[in-house]
């Protein structure tokens, strides 16, 4: 069973920065896409950012220019650097991985709360 362990959430003031990290319990060699979703209670989960094994990135319009996703295969990690945070960024952030082989399902982390408040 693959485990994704997230870290780095917390409370930050508007305009501040946080970095989320997600470490997979297995090698990322077989992983195609890594990324982050976020969810506010009562709302649908929203895609925030993705990065492919070829380092192609994609961002939600709401975070472009403020968030940066990166991955380091040697450490089995994917990070999300969040700058100029806004109150609307408050949510639980979930990392996920999709595999090169379609035989394997998407795996999710347990979620990490980010609160942006003054």
Protein backbone atom coordinates (compact mmCIF):
# COMPACT_ATOMS: atom_id res chain seq x y z
CA UNK A 1 0.00 0.00 0.00
CA UNK A 2 1.41 3.38 -1.02
CA UNK A 3 1.39 6.10 1.60
CA UNK A 4 1.60 9.83 0.92
CA UNK A 5 2.65 11.86 3.95
CA UNK A 6 2.02 15.60 3.84
CA UNK A 7 3.61 18.31 5.94
CA UNK A 8 3.93 22.07 6.11
CA UNK A 9 0.41 23.33 6.67
CA UNK A 10 -0.64 25.77 9.34
CA UNK A 11 -1.79 29.30 10.03
CA UNK A 12 -0.42 32.26 8.07
CA UNK A 13 -1.44 35.87 7.62
CA UNK A 14 -2.63 37.19 4.26
CA UNK A 15 0.34 37.95 2.05
CA UNK A 16 2.44 35.33 3.78
CA UNK A 17 4.00 32.12 2.48
CA UNK A 18 3.85 28.42 3.25
CA UNK A 19 5.45 25.37 1.69
CA UNK A 20 3.63 22.05 1.57
CA UNK A 21 5.56 18.83 1.07
CA UNK A 22 4.33 15.36 0.21
CA UNK A 23 6.56 12.29 0.46
CA UNK A 24 5.65 8.97 -1.12
CA UNK A 25 6.53 5.72 0.62
CA UNK A 26 7.67 4.21 -2.67
CA UNK A 27 9.90 5.28 -5.54
CA UNK A 28 8.35 7.85 -7.84
CA UNK A 29 9.86 6.21 -10.89
CA UNK A 30 6.52 4.59 -11.72
CA UNK A 31 4.55 7.76 -11.04
CA UNK A 32 3.32 9.86 -13.94
CA UNK A 33 1.60 12.87 -12.39
CA UNK A 34 1.92 14.29 -8.90
CA UNK A 35 -0.12 17.18 -7.64
CA UNK A 36 -2.32 18.92 -5.16
CA UNK A 37 -6.03 19.44 -4.72
CA UNK A 38 -7.72 21.53 -2.07
CA UNK A 39 -11.13 21.41 -0.50
CA UNK A 40 -13.19 23.82 1.54
CA UNK A 41 -15.85 22.25 3.73
CA UNK A 42 -19.10 21.99 1.84
CA UNK A 43 -17.48 22.51 -1.55
CA UNK A 44 -16.06 20.21 -4.21
CA UNK A 45 -12.39 19.35 -4.27
CA UNK A 46 -10.50 21.78 -6.53
CA UNK A 47 -7.38 21.00 -8.54
CA UNK A 48 -4.56 23.35 -7.54
CA UNK A 49 -1.46 22.22 -9.43
CA UNK A 50 0.08 19.23 -11.16
CA UNK A 51 3.51 18.22 -12.39
CA UNK A 52 4.32 15.39 -14.77
CA UNK A 53 7.33 13.12 -14.76
CA UNK A 54 8.67 15.35 -17.52
CA UNK A 55 8.28 18.37 -15.21
CA UNK A 56 5.41 19.90 -17.14
CA UNK A 57 3.35 21.95 -14.71
CA UNK A 58 -0.25 23.08 -14.66
CA UNK A 59 -1.97 25.49 -12.28
CA UNK A 60 -5.46 26.61 -11.44
CA UNK A 61 -6.05 30.16 -12.63
CA UNK A 62 -6.64 31.25 -9.05
CA UNK A 63 -3.07 30.37 -7.99
CA UNK A 64 -1.04 31.17 -11.11
CA UNK A 65 1.87 33.45 -10.34
CA UNK A 66 1.62 32.74 -6.60
CA UNK A 67 2.09 28.98 -6.25
CA UNK A 68 4.94 26.83 -7.57
CA UNK A 69 4.89 23.06 -7.73
CA UNK A 70 8.07 21.00 -7.93
CA UNK A 71 9.08 17.38 -7.56
CA UNK A 72 12.27 15.64 -6.62
CA UNK A 73 12.22 12.04 -7.71
CA UNK A 74 15.35 11.13 -5.77
CA UNK A 75 13.49 11.98 -2.55
CA UNK A 76 10.05 10.78 -3.71
CA UNK A 77 8.60 14.20 -2.95
CA UNK A 78 6.37 16.84 -4.45
CA UNK A 79 6.30 20.33 -2.97
CA UNK A 80 3.93 23.26 -3.28
CA UNK A 81 5.41 26.67 -2.53
CA UNK A 82 2.58 29.09 -1.80
CA UNK A 83 3.31 32.82 -1.80
CA UNK A 84 1.13 35.89 -1.38
CA UNK A 85 -1.52 33.78 0.28
CA UNK A 86 -5.10 35.01 0.38
CA UNK A 87 -7.96 34.17 2.72
CA UNK A 88 -9.59 32.32 -0.19
CA UNK A 89 -6.65 29.88 -0.13
CA UNK A 90 -7.84 28.53 3.21
CA UNK A 91 -8.59 24.86 2.69
CA UNK A 92 -7.43 21.33 3.33
CA UNK A 93 -4.76 20.50 0.77
CA UNK A 94 -4.40 16.93 -0.52
CA UNK A 95 -1.52 15.58 -2.53
CA UNK A 96 -2.09 12.78 -5.03
CA UNK A 97 -0.19 10.59 -7.46
CA UNK A 98 -1.22 9.00 -10.74
CA UNK A 99 0.77 6.08 -12.09
CA UNK A 100 2.24 5.46 -15.50
CA UNK A 101 0.38 2.15 -15.53
CA UNK A 102 -3.39 2.46 -15.65
CA UNK A 103 -3.58 -0.71 -13.58
CA UNK A 104 -2.91 1.26 -10.43
CA UNK A 105 -5.40 3.65 -8.84
CA UNK A 106 -4.82 7.24 -7.81
CA UNK A 107 -3.45 7.52 -4.28
CA UNK A 108 -4.21 10.38 -1.94
CA UNK A 109 -2.62 11.90 1.10
CA UNK A 110 -4.72 12.44 4.22
CA UNK A 111 -4.84 16.19 3.83
CA UNK A 112 -3.15 19.16 5.43
CA UNK A 113 -4.99 22.24 6.68
CA UNK A 114 -3.86 25.66 5.50
CA UNK A 115 -5.50 28.63 7.20
CA UNK A 116 -4.94 32.15 5.91
CA UNK A 117 -6.22 34.66 8.43
CA UNK A 118 -5.26 37.87 10.14
